[in-house]
C-alpha cells in the first residue's frame, strides 16, 4: 500500500500530545521540508521524499523512543504499507548499511535489525533522509551543529568518529550530485555555520 505526504502529515498531527514530547514531530516536519527542497533540485519525486521525512521517526508515536526504529518499521508494516515506506524507520539512523555507523553510541544488539540493514540496499531517498535527519533539530541547523547536538545529548563513543566522518561523506555525495554545496539551497543556514 502506498503512502502520501498528506496522509503521513496527518499521522504526525494525530500523534501530537500523545508522546512524552512533540519535538520529534517538529523535527520530522523539518526533515521532510528539507528533503523535498533537495529532491526537487535533483529532479526526484518530491512527495515521496517528503513522505519519508515525515515518517522516519514515526516509531516514537507507537512505543519506547529508544526502539523507535523497530517500532516504526513494525507499525507501518502491520498497517500494510509497502516496504519502501516502513524501511525508512529502520534505515534512517545507520549510514553505510552498518549498525555501527550510528549516532549516540553502539546500538543494542538486535539481530533482525543488524541483518536487515546489512542486506538492505538504501535508495537515494533513504540516503537523503539520513542526511536531512543529520541536518535538523526542530529547524535546519546544518551538519556541524547537529553532530555537536547529538554528542552533547548522547555522548561520544568508540563509533562516534566513524559516524561523523561518514556523515560528511554523505553530504559530499549529495553536493556532488547537485554540482554545488547543498547549503546554497538554504540561505538561512549561514547563521549556524
N, C-alpha and C. Protein backbone atom coordinates (compact mmCIF):
# COMPACT_ATOMS: atom_id res chain seq x y z
N UNK A 1 0.86 -1.18 0.00
CA UNK A 1 0.00 0.00 0.00
C UNK A 1 0.90 1.24 0.00
N UNK A 2 0.50 2.22 -0.78
CA UNK A 2 1.26 3.46 -0.90
C UNK A 2 0.87 4.44 0.21
N UNK A 3 1.76 5.37 0.48
CA UNK A 3 1.54 6.40 1.48
C UNK A 3 1.89 7.74 0.84
N UNK A 4 1.06 8.72 1.07
CA UNK A 4 1.32 10.06 0.53
C UNK A 4 1.82 10.99 1.63
N UNK A 5 2.40 12.09 1.23
CA UNK A 5 2.85 13.06 2.22
C UNK A 5 1.67 13.63 3.01
N UNK A 6 0.54 13.78 2.35
CA UNK A 6 -0.65 14.30 3.04
C UNK A 6 -1.07 13.36 4.17
N UNK A 7 -1.14 12.08 3.88
CA UNK A 7 -1.51 11.09 4.90
C UNK A 7 -0.44 11.01 5.99
N UNK A 8 0.83 11.04 5.61
CA UNK A 8 1.92 10.97 6.59
C UNK A 8 1.88 12.17 7.53
N UNK A 9 1.59 13.35 6.99
CA UNK A 9 1.48 14.55 7.83
C UNK A 9 0.26 14.43 8.76
N UNK A 10 -0.83 13.88 8.27
CA UNK A 10 -2.00 13.64 9.13
C UNK A 10 -1.63 12.72 10.30
N UNK A 11 -0.85 11.69 10.01
CA UNK A 11 -0.41 10.77 11.06
C UNK A 11 0.41 11.51 12.11
N UNK A 12 1.30 12.39 11.66
CA UNK A 12 2.09 13.18 12.61
C UNK A 12 1.19 14.07 13.46
N UNK A 13 0.26 14.74 12.80
CA UNK A 13 -0.64 15.64 13.54
C UNK A 13 -1.50 14.87 14.53
N UNK A 14 -1.91 13.66 14.17
CA UNK A 14 -2.70 12.83 15.09
C UNK A 14 -1.89 12.40 16.31
N UNK A 15 -0.56 12.34 16.17
CA UNK A 15 0.30 11.92 17.28
C UNK A 15 0.61 13.05 18.26
N UNK A 16 0.30 14.29 17.89
CA UNK A 16 0.61 15.43 18.76
C UNK A 16 -0.06 15.27 20.12
N UNK A 17 0.75 15.50 21.16
CA UNK A 17 0.25 15.43 22.53
C UNK A 17 0.11 14.02 23.08
N UNK A 18 0.50 13.02 22.32
CA UNK A 18 0.33 11.63 22.75
C UNK A 18 1.63 10.94 23.16
N UNK A 19 2.74 11.66 23.07
CA UNK A 19 4.03 11.11 23.49
C UNK A 19 4.66 12.04 24.51
N UNK A 20 5.79 11.63 25.06
CA UNK A 20 6.41 12.44 26.12
C UNK A 20 6.84 13.83 25.65
N UNK A 21 7.02 13.98 24.36
CA UNK A 21 7.34 15.28 23.77
C UNK A 21 6.90 15.28 22.31
N UNK A 22 6.61 16.45 21.80
CA UNK A 22 6.28 16.58 20.38
C UNK A 22 7.46 17.08 19.55
N UNK A 23 8.62 17.21 20.16
CA UNK A 23 9.79 17.71 19.43
C UNK A 23 10.14 16.83 18.23
N UNK A 24 9.93 15.54 18.35
CA UNK A 24 10.22 14.63 17.23
C UNK A 24 9.31 14.92 16.04
N UNK A 25 8.11 15.42 16.32
CA UNK A 25 7.18 15.75 15.23
C UNK A 25 7.69 16.98 14.48
N UNK A 26 8.08 18.01 15.21
CA UNK A 26 8.63 19.21 14.59
C UNK A 26 9.89 18.85 13.80
N UNK A 27 10.71 17.99 14.38
CA UNK A 27 11.92 17.52 13.71
C UNK A 27 11.57 16.80 12.41
N UNK A 28 10.59 15.92 12.46
CA UNK A 28 10.20 15.16 11.26
C UNK A 28 9.69 16.08 10.15
N UNK A 29 8.97 17.11 10.52
CA UNK A 29 8.48 18.07 9.54
C UNK A 29 9.65 18.82 8.93
N UNK A 30 10.63 19.20 9.74
CA UNK A 30 11.83 19.85 9.23
C UNK A 30 12.56 18.94 8.25
N UNK A 31 12.75 17.68 8.61
CA UNK A 31 13.43 16.72 7.73
C UNK A 31 12.68 16.61 6.41
N UNK A 32 11.36 16.49 6.47
CA UNK A 32 10.55 16.37 5.25
C UNK A 32 10.68 17.60 4.36
N UNK A 33 10.63 18.77 4.96
CA UNK A 33 10.72 20.01 4.17
C UNK A 33 12.08 20.16 3.49
N UNK A 34 13.12 19.87 4.22
CA UNK A 34 14.47 19.96 3.64
C UNK A 34 14.66 18.91 2.55
N UNK A 35 14.20 17.69 2.82
CA UNK A 35 14.31 16.62 1.82
C UNK A 35 13.57 16.99 0.54
N UNK A 36 12.41 17.63 0.67
CA UNK A 36 11.64 18.00 -0.52
C UNK A 36 12.37 19.05 -1.36
N UNK A 37 13.05 19.97 -0.71
CA UNK A 37 13.80 21.01 -1.44
C UNK A 37 14.97 20.39 -2.21
N UNK A 38 15.71 19.50 -1.55
CA UNK A 38 16.84 18.85 -2.22
C UNK A 38 16.34 17.92 -3.32
N UNK A 39 15.26 17.19 -3.04
CA UNK A 39 14.68 16.28 -4.04
C UNK A 39 14.27 17.04 -5.30
N UNK A 40 13.65 18.19 -5.12
CA UNK A 40 13.24 19.00 -6.27
C UNK A 40 14.45 19.39 -7.12
N UNK A 41 15.52 19.81 -6.47
CA UNK A 41 16.73 20.21 -7.19
C UNK A 41 17.35 19.04 -7.95
N UNK A 42 17.16 17.83 -7.43
CA UNK A 42 17.72 16.64 -8.07
C UNK A 42 16.73 15.96 -9.03
N UNK A 43 15.59 16.61 -9.25
CA UNK A 43 14.52 16.06 -10.10
C UNK A 43 14.03 14.70 -9.60
N UNK A 44 13.98 14.55 -8.29
CA UNK A 44 13.43 13.35 -7.67
C UNK A 44 11.96 13.58 -7.34
N UNK A 45 11.29 12.56 -6.89
CA UNK A 45 9.88 12.63 -6.51
C UNK A 45 9.77 13.37 -5.18
N UNK A 46 9.32 14.61 -5.24
CA UNK A 46 9.26 15.48 -4.07
C UNK A 46 8.28 14.95 -3.02
N UNK A 47 7.11 14.48 -3.44
CA UNK A 47 6.12 13.99 -2.49
C UNK A 47 6.65 12.76 -1.76
N UNK A 48 7.31 11.89 -2.47
CA UNK A 48 7.87 10.67 -1.86
C UNK A 48 8.95 11.03 -0.84
N UNK A 49 9.84 11.94 -1.20
CA UNK A 49 10.89 12.37 -0.27
C UNK A 49 10.27 12.99 0.98
N UNK A 50 9.27 13.82 0.79
CA UNK A 50 8.59 14.45 1.92
C UNK A 50 7.90 13.40 2.80
N UNK A 51 7.26 12.43 2.18
CA UNK A 51 6.59 11.37 2.92
C UNK A 51 7.58 10.63 3.83
N UNK A 52 8.71 10.24 3.27
CA UNK A 52 9.71 9.52 4.06
C UNK A 52 10.24 10.38 5.20
N UNK A 53 10.41 11.67 4.94
CA UNK A 53 10.84 12.58 6.00
C UNK A 53 9.84 12.64 7.14
N UNK A 54 8.57 12.69 6.80
CA UNK A 54 7.53 12.73 7.84
C UNK A 54 7.52 11.46 8.70
N UNK A 55 7.73 10.31 8.08
CA UNK A 55 7.52 9.05 8.83
C UNK A 55 8.79 8.44 9.41
N UNK A 56 9.96 8.98 9.12
CA UNK A 56 11.19 8.31 9.53
C UNK A 56 11.27 8.05 11.03
N UNK A 57 10.73 8.91 11.86
CA UNK A 57 10.76 8.75 13.32
C UNK A 57 9.40 8.32 13.89
N UNK A 58 8.51 7.85 13.03
CA UNK A 58 7.14 7.59 13.49
C UNK A 58 7.06 6.53 14.60
N UNK A 59 8.06 5.71 14.72
CA UNK A 59 8.07 4.73 15.81
C UNK A 59 7.99 5.36 17.18
N UNK A 60 8.33 6.64 17.29
CA UNK A 60 8.22 7.34 18.57
C UNK A 60 6.77 7.54 18.97
N UNK A 61 5.86 7.44 18.02
CA UNK A 61 4.43 7.59 18.32
C UNK A 61 3.83 6.30 18.86
N UNK A 62 4.53 5.19 18.69
CA UNK A 62 3.92 3.89 19.00
C UNK A 62 4.71 3.05 19.98
N UNK A 63 5.62 3.66 20.71
CA UNK A 63 6.37 2.88 21.69
C UNK A 63 7.57 3.62 22.23
N UNK A 64 8.42 2.87 22.88
CA UNK A 64 9.64 3.36 23.50
C UNK A 64 10.50 4.12 22.49
N UNK A 65 10.85 5.36 22.82
CA UNK A 65 11.66 6.18 21.92
C UNK A 65 12.97 5.49 21.55
N UNK A 66 13.56 4.75 22.49
CA UNK A 66 14.86 4.14 22.23
C UNK A 66 14.79 3.01 21.20
N UNK A 67 13.60 2.52 20.93
CA UNK A 67 13.42 1.47 19.92
C UNK A 67 12.51 1.97 18.79
N UNK A 68 12.55 3.27 18.55
CA UNK A 68 11.64 3.84 17.56
C UNK A 68 11.89 3.31 16.16
N UNK A 69 13.11 2.89 15.87
CA UNK A 69 13.39 2.35 14.54
C UNK A 69 12.62 1.06 14.30
N UNK A 70 12.71 0.14 15.23
CA UNK A 70 12.00 -1.15 15.13
C UNK A 70 10.48 -0.92 15.25
N UNK A 71 10.08 -0.07 16.19
CA UNK A 71 8.65 0.19 16.40
C UNK A 71 7.98 0.74 15.14
N UNK A 72 8.62 1.74 14.52
CA UNK A 72 8.06 2.34 13.31
C UNK A 72 8.01 1.36 12.16
N UNK A 73 9.08 0.61 11.99
CA UNK A 73 9.16 -0.42 10.96
C UNK A 73 7.97 -1.39 11.09
N UNK A 74 7.81 -1.94 12.29
CA UNK A 74 6.74 -2.93 12.51
C UNK A 74 5.35 -2.32 12.41
N UNK A 75 5.18 -1.12 12.94
CA UNK A 75 3.87 -0.48 12.93
C UNK A 75 3.40 -0.21 11.50
N UNK A 76 4.26 0.43 10.70
CA UNK A 76 3.86 0.75 9.33
C UNK A 76 3.71 -0.51 8.48
N UNK A 77 4.53 -1.49 8.75
CA UNK A 77 4.41 -2.77 8.04
C UNK A 77 3.07 -3.42 8.38
N UNK A 78 2.73 -3.44 9.67
CA UNK A 78 1.46 -4.04 10.11
C UNK A 78 0.25 -3.30 9.56
N UNK A 79 0.39 -2.00 9.29
CA UNK A 79 -0.71 -1.24 8.68
C UNK A 79 -0.88 -1.58 7.20
N UNK A 80 0.11 -2.28 6.63
CA UNK A 80 0.01 -2.70 5.24
C UNK A 80 0.73 -1.82 4.24
N UNK A 81 1.54 -0.87 4.74
CA UNK A 81 2.28 -0.03 3.81
C UNK A 81 3.41 -0.83 3.17
N UNK A 82 3.80 -0.43 1.97
CA UNK A 82 4.87 -1.11 1.24
C UNK A 82 6.20 -0.93 1.97
N UNK A 83 7.11 -1.86 1.73
CA UNK A 83 8.42 -1.84 2.37
C UNK A 83 9.18 -0.54 2.08
N UNK A 84 8.96 0.05 0.93
CA UNK A 84 9.67 1.29 0.61
C UNK A 84 9.33 2.41 1.60
N UNK A 85 8.24 2.27 2.32
CA UNK A 85 7.87 3.26 3.35
C UNK A 85 8.36 2.83 4.73
N UNK A 86 8.04 1.63 5.15
CA UNK A 86 8.40 1.26 6.52
C UNK A 86 9.89 1.03 6.71
N UNK A 87 10.62 0.76 5.64
CA UNK A 87 12.06 0.54 5.79
C UNK A 87 12.79 1.80 6.28
N UNK A 88 12.29 2.98 5.94
CA UNK A 88 12.96 4.21 6.35
C UNK A 88 13.03 4.33 7.87
N UNK A 89 12.05 3.78 8.55
CA UNK A 89 12.06 3.83 10.02
C UNK A 89 13.28 3.10 10.58
N UNK A 90 13.66 2.02 9.93
CA UNK A 90 14.78 1.22 10.39
C UNK A 90 16.12 1.72 9.85
N UNK A 91 16.15 2.22 8.63
CA UNK A 91 17.42 2.56 7.99
C UNK A 91 17.92 3.97 8.26
N UNK A 92 17.05 4.88 8.69
CA UNK A 92 17.44 6.29 8.73
C UNK A 92 18.57 6.62 9.70
N UNK A 93 18.82 5.79 10.64
CA UNK A 93 19.84 6.10 11.65
C UNK A 93 21.17 5.41 11.45
N UNK A 94 21.31 4.65 10.36
CA UNK A 94 22.52 3.84 10.18
C UNK A 94 23.10 4.08 8.79
N UNK A 95 24.21 4.77 8.75
CA UNK A 95 24.85 5.06 7.47
C UNK A 95 25.62 3.84 6.97
N UNK A 96 25.78 3.74 5.68
CA UNK A 96 26.60 2.70 5.05
C UNK A 96 26.10 1.27 5.29
N UNK A 97 24.83 1.10 5.53
CA UNK A 97 24.30 -0.24 5.82
C UNK A 97 25.07 -0.89 6.97
N UNK A 98 25.37 -0.11 7.99
CA UNK A 98 26.19 -0.58 9.10
C UNK A 98 25.60 -0.05 10.41
N UNK A 99 25.14 -0.96 11.27
CA UNK A 99 24.56 -0.52 12.54
C UNK A 99 25.60 0.16 13.43
N UNK A 100 26.87 -0.05 13.15
CA UNK A 100 27.91 0.61 13.93
C UNK A 100 28.09 2.07 13.52
N UNK A 101 27.54 2.44 12.38
CA UNK A 101 27.65 3.82 11.91
C UNK A 101 26.39 4.58 12.31
N UNK A 102 26.23 4.72 13.63
CA UNK A 102 25.04 5.34 14.19
C UNK A 102 25.42 6.44 15.16
N UNK A 103 24.55 7.41 15.31
CA UNK A 103 24.76 8.47 16.29
C UNK A 103 24.36 7.95 17.66
N UNK A 104 24.97 8.47 18.68
CA UNK A 104 24.54 8.14 20.03
C UNK A 104 25.07 6.84 20.58
N UNK A 105 26.13 6.32 20.02
CA UNK A 105 26.75 5.12 20.59
C UNK A 105 26.44 3.85 19.83
N UNK A 106 26.96 2.78 20.36
CA UNK A 106 26.78 1.47 19.74
C UNK A 106 25.38 0.97 20.12
N UNK A 107 24.57 0.68 19.11
CA UNK A 107 23.19 0.27 19.41
C UNK A 107 23.10 -1.11 20.05
N UNK A 108 22.00 -1.32 20.74
CA UNK A 108 21.70 -2.63 21.31
C UNK A 108 21.73 -3.67 20.19
N UNK A 109 22.23 -4.85 20.51
CA UNK A 109 22.30 -5.92 19.52
C UNK A 109 20.91 -6.51 19.29
N UNK A 110 20.35 -6.18 18.15
CA UNK A 110 19.07 -6.76 17.73
C UNK A 110 19.35 -7.43 16.39
N UNK A 111 19.53 -8.75 16.39
CA UNK A 111 19.95 -9.46 15.16
C UNK A 111 19.10 -9.14 13.93
N UNK A 112 17.78 -9.05 14.08
CA UNK A 112 16.94 -8.73 12.92
C UNK A 112 17.36 -7.40 12.30
N UNK A 113 17.52 -6.39 13.15
CA UNK A 113 17.89 -5.05 12.66
C UNK A 113 19.25 -5.09 11.96
N UNK A 114 20.22 -5.72 12.59
CA UNK A 114 21.56 -5.80 12.00
C UNK A 114 21.52 -6.46 10.63
N UNK A 115 20.84 -7.58 10.53
CA UNK A 115 20.78 -8.31 9.26
C UNK A 115 19.99 -7.55 8.21
N UNK A 116 18.88 -6.93 8.61
CA UNK A 116 18.07 -6.17 7.66
C UNK A 116 18.89 -5.02 7.08
N UNK A 117 19.54 -4.27 7.94
CA UNK A 117 20.31 -3.11 7.49
C UNK A 117 21.47 -3.55 6.59
N UNK A 118 22.13 -4.61 6.98
CA UNK A 118 23.26 -5.11 6.18
C UNK A 118 22.81 -5.55 4.79
N UNK A 119 21.65 -6.19 4.71
CA UNK A 119 21.16 -6.74 3.44
C UNK A 119 20.41 -5.72 2.59
N UNK A 120 19.93 -4.65 3.21
CA UNK A 120 19.08 -3.68 2.52
C UNK A 120 19.92 -2.72 1.67
N UNK A 121 19.52 -2.54 0.45
CA UNK A 121 20.20 -1.56 -0.40
C UNK A 121 19.42 -0.24 -0.31
N UNK A 122 20.05 0.75 0.30
CA UNK A 122 19.38 2.03 0.50
C UNK A 122 19.21 2.78 -0.82
N UNK A 123 18.02 3.29 -1.01
CA UNK A 123 17.73 4.10 -2.19
C UNK A 123 18.29 5.51 -1.98
N UNK A 124 18.31 6.28 -3.04
CA UNK A 124 18.76 7.67 -2.93
C UNK A 124 17.84 8.43 -1.96
N UNK A 125 16.58 8.05 -1.90
CA UNK A 125 15.65 8.71 -0.99
C UNK A 125 16.00 8.41 0.47
N UNK A 126 16.36 7.16 0.75
CA UNK A 126 16.74 6.80 2.12
C UNK A 126 18.04 7.52 2.51
N UNK A 127 18.97 7.61 1.58
CA UNK A 127 20.19 8.36 1.86
C UNK A 127 19.88 9.83 2.11
N UNK A 128 18.94 10.36 1.35
CA UNK A 128 18.54 11.76 1.53
C UNK A 128 17.94 11.98 2.91
N UNK A 129 17.10 11.07 3.37
CA UNK A 129 16.50 11.22 4.70
C UNK A 129 17.57 11.08 5.77
N UNK A 130 18.52 10.16 5.60
CA UNK A 130 19.64 10.05 6.55
C UNK A 130 20.35 11.39 6.66
N UNK A 131 20.64 12.01 5.53
CA UNK A 131 21.33 13.30 5.53
C UNK A 131 20.49 14.38 6.21
N UNK A 132 19.23 14.49 5.81
CA UNK A 132 18.37 15.54 6.35
C UNK A 132 18.14 15.36 7.85
N UNK A 133 18.08 14.11 8.30
CA UNK A 133 17.95 13.82 9.73
C UNK A 133 19.16 14.37 10.48
N UNK A 134 20.31 14.37 9.82
CA UNK A 134 21.55 14.86 10.42
C UNK A 134 21.78 16.35 10.16
N UNK A 135 20.76 17.03 9.69
CA UNK A 135 20.84 18.48 9.47
C UNK A 135 19.79 19.24 10.28
N UNK A 136 18.92 18.51 10.98
CA UNK A 136 17.78 19.15 11.66
C UNK A 136 17.69 18.80 13.13
N UNK A 137 17.27 19.78 13.90
CA UNK A 137 16.68 19.53 15.21
C UNK A 137 15.20 19.83 14.96
N UNK A 138 14.70 20.94 15.47
CA UNK A 138 13.35 21.37 15.11
C UNK A 138 13.40 22.35 13.95
N UNK A 139 14.59 22.73 13.57
CA UNK A 139 14.84 23.57 12.40
C UNK A 139 16.16 23.11 11.78
N UNK A 140 16.39 23.54 10.57
CA UNK A 140 17.63 23.15 9.92
C UNK A 140 18.78 23.92 10.53
N UNK A 141 19.75 23.18 11.05
CA UNK A 141 20.92 23.81 11.67
C UNK A 141 22.23 23.37 11.01
N UNK A 142 22.17 22.48 10.07
CA UNK A 142 23.36 22.01 9.38
C UNK A 142 24.03 20.87 10.12
N UNK A 143 24.91 20.22 9.42
CA UNK A 143 25.56 19.02 9.95
C UNK A 143 26.44 19.32 11.16
N UNK A 144 27.24 20.37 11.09
CA UNK A 144 28.16 20.66 12.20
C UNK A 144 27.41 20.79 13.52
N UNK A 145 26.43 21.67 13.54
CA UNK A 145 25.67 21.91 14.78
C UNK A 145 24.88 20.67 15.20
N UNK A 146 24.35 19.94 14.22
CA UNK A 146 23.56 18.75 14.55
C UNK A 146 24.44 17.67 15.17
N UNK A 147 25.62 17.45 14.62
CA UNK A 147 26.50 16.44 15.20
C UNK A 147 26.94 16.83 16.60
N UNK A 148 27.20 18.12 16.81
CA UNK A 148 27.53 18.59 18.15
C UNK A 148 26.34 18.37 19.09
N UNK A 149 25.13 18.68 18.61
CA UNK A 149 23.91 18.47 19.38
C UNK A 149 23.79 17.01 19.82
N UNK A 150 24.03 16.09 18.90
CA UNK A 150 23.92 14.66 19.20
C UNK A 150 24.97 14.25 20.24
N UNK A 151 26.19 14.72 20.07
CA UNK A 151 27.25 14.36 21.01
C UNK A 151 26.97 14.93 22.39
N UNK A 152 26.48 16.15 22.46
CA UNK A 152 26.15 16.75 23.76
C UNK A 152 25.03 15.96 24.44
N UNK A 153 24.01 15.58 23.68
CA UNK A 153 22.87 14.88 24.28
C UNK A 153 23.16 13.42 24.60
N UNK A 154 23.92 12.75 23.74
CA UNK A 154 24.11 11.30 23.91
C UNK A 154 25.52 10.89 24.31
N UNK A 155 26.48 11.78 24.14
CA UNK A 155 27.86 11.45 24.47
C UNK A 155 28.66 11.01 23.25
N UNK A 156 29.96 10.85 23.47
CA UNK A 156 30.86 10.36 22.43
C UNK A 156 31.23 8.91 22.76
N UNK A 157 31.29 8.10 21.74
CA UNK A 157 31.54 6.67 21.91
C UNK A 157 32.62 6.21 20.94
N UNK A 158 32.95 4.96 20.99
CA UNK A 158 34.00 4.42 20.12
C UNK A 158 33.64 4.52 18.65
N UNK A 159 32.36 4.60 18.33
CA UNK A 159 31.93 4.70 16.93
C UNK A 159 31.62 6.13 16.48
N UNK A 160 31.77 7.11 17.36
CA UNK A 160 31.39 8.48 17.05
C UNK A 160 32.21 9.06 15.90
N UNK A 161 33.51 8.86 15.93
CA UNK A 161 34.35 9.41 14.86
C UNK A 161 33.96 8.81 13.51
N UNK A 162 33.71 7.52 13.47
CA UNK A 162 33.27 6.84 12.25
C UNK A 162 31.97 7.47 11.73
N UNK A 163 31.02 7.67 12.62
CA UNK A 163 29.73 8.24 12.23
C UNK A 163 29.90 9.67 11.70
N UNK A 164 30.71 10.46 12.37
CA UNK A 164 30.93 11.85 11.95
C UNK A 164 31.56 11.88 10.55
N UNK A 165 32.60 11.08 10.35
CA UNK A 165 33.26 11.05 9.03
C UNK A 165 32.28 10.64 7.93
N UNK A 166 31.48 9.64 8.19
CA UNK A 166 30.54 9.15 7.18
C UNK A 166 29.41 10.13 6.93
N UNK A 167 29.06 10.92 7.92
CA UNK A 167 28.06 11.97 7.74
C UNK A 167 28.56 13.00 6.73
N UNK A 168 29.80 13.41 6.88
CA UNK A 168 30.38 14.37 5.94
C UNK A 168 30.51 13.77 4.53
N UNK A 169 30.80 12.49 4.45
CA UNK A 169 30.86 11.83 3.14
C UNK A 169 29.48 11.82 2.48
N UNK A 170 28.45 11.61 3.30
CA UNK A 170 27.09 11.60 2.76
C UNK A 170 26.72 12.98 2.23
N UNK A 171 27.06 14.02 2.95
CA UNK A 171 26.80 15.37 2.44
C UNK A 171 27.56 15.61 1.14
N UNK A 172 28.81 15.18 1.09
CA UNK A 172 29.62 15.35 -0.11
C UNK A 172 28.99 14.60 -1.30
N UNK A 173 28.42 13.44 -1.03
CA UNK A 173 27.73 12.67 -2.07
C UNK A 173 26.61 13.51 -2.71
N UNK A 174 25.81 14.17 -1.86
CA UNK A 174 24.72 15.00 -2.38
C UNK A 174 25.24 16.30 -2.99
N UNK A 175 26.29 16.86 -2.43
CA UNK A 175 26.91 18.03 -3.06
C UNK A 175 27.35 17.69 -4.48
N UNK A 176 27.95 16.53 -4.65
CA UNK A 176 28.42 16.09 -5.98
C UNK A 176 27.25 15.86 -6.94
N UNK A 177 26.18 15.28 -6.45
CA UNK A 177 25.00 15.08 -7.30
C UNK A 177 24.44 16.42 -7.77
N UNK A 178 24.41 17.38 -6.87
CA UNK A 178 23.89 18.71 -7.20
C UNK A 178 24.87 19.51 -8.05
N UNK A 179 26.15 19.26 -7.87
CA UNK A 179 27.17 20.04 -8.56
C UNK A 179 27.55 21.31 -7.80
N UNK A 180 27.09 21.43 -6.57
CA UNK A 180 27.42 22.57 -5.71
C UNK A 180 27.09 22.20 -4.27
N UNK A 181 27.55 23.03 -3.33
CA UNK A 181 27.28 22.80 -1.91
C UNK A 181 25.78 22.93 -1.66
N UNK A 182 25.17 21.89 -1.16
CA UNK A 182 23.71 21.90 -0.97
C UNK A 182 23.25 22.99 -0.01
N UNK A 183 24.13 23.51 0.82
CA UNK A 183 23.75 24.62 1.70
C UNK A 183 23.32 25.85 0.91
N UNK A 184 23.70 25.95 -0.35
CA UNK A 184 23.25 27.08 -1.18
C UNK A 184 21.73 27.09 -1.34
N UNK A 185 21.10 25.95 -1.14
CA UNK A 185 19.64 25.87 -1.22
C UNK A 185 18.97 26.46 0.02
N UNK A 186 19.76 26.70 1.06
CA UNK A 186 19.23 27.13 2.35
C UNK A 186 20.00 28.36 2.83
N UNK A 187 19.67 29.54 2.30
CA UNK A 187 20.42 30.75 2.64
C UNK A 187 20.49 31.05 4.14
N UNK A 188 19.47 30.65 4.89
CA UNK A 188 19.47 30.94 6.33
C UNK A 188 20.47 30.09 7.10
N UNK A 189 21.04 29.09 6.46
CA UNK A 189 21.98 28.21 7.16
C UNK A 189 23.22 28.95 7.62
N UNK A 190 23.53 30.07 6.99
CA UNK A 190 24.75 30.81 7.36
C UNK A 190 24.77 31.22 8.83
N UNK A 191 23.61 31.41 9.42
CA UNK A 191 23.60 31.79 10.84
C UNK A 191 24.03 30.65 11.75
N UNK A 192 24.09 29.41 11.23
CA UNK A 192 24.51 28.27 12.02
C UNK A 192 25.92 27.82 11.70
N UNK A 193 26.52 28.39 10.67
CA UNK A 193 27.87 27.96 10.27
C UNK A 193 28.94 28.73 11.01
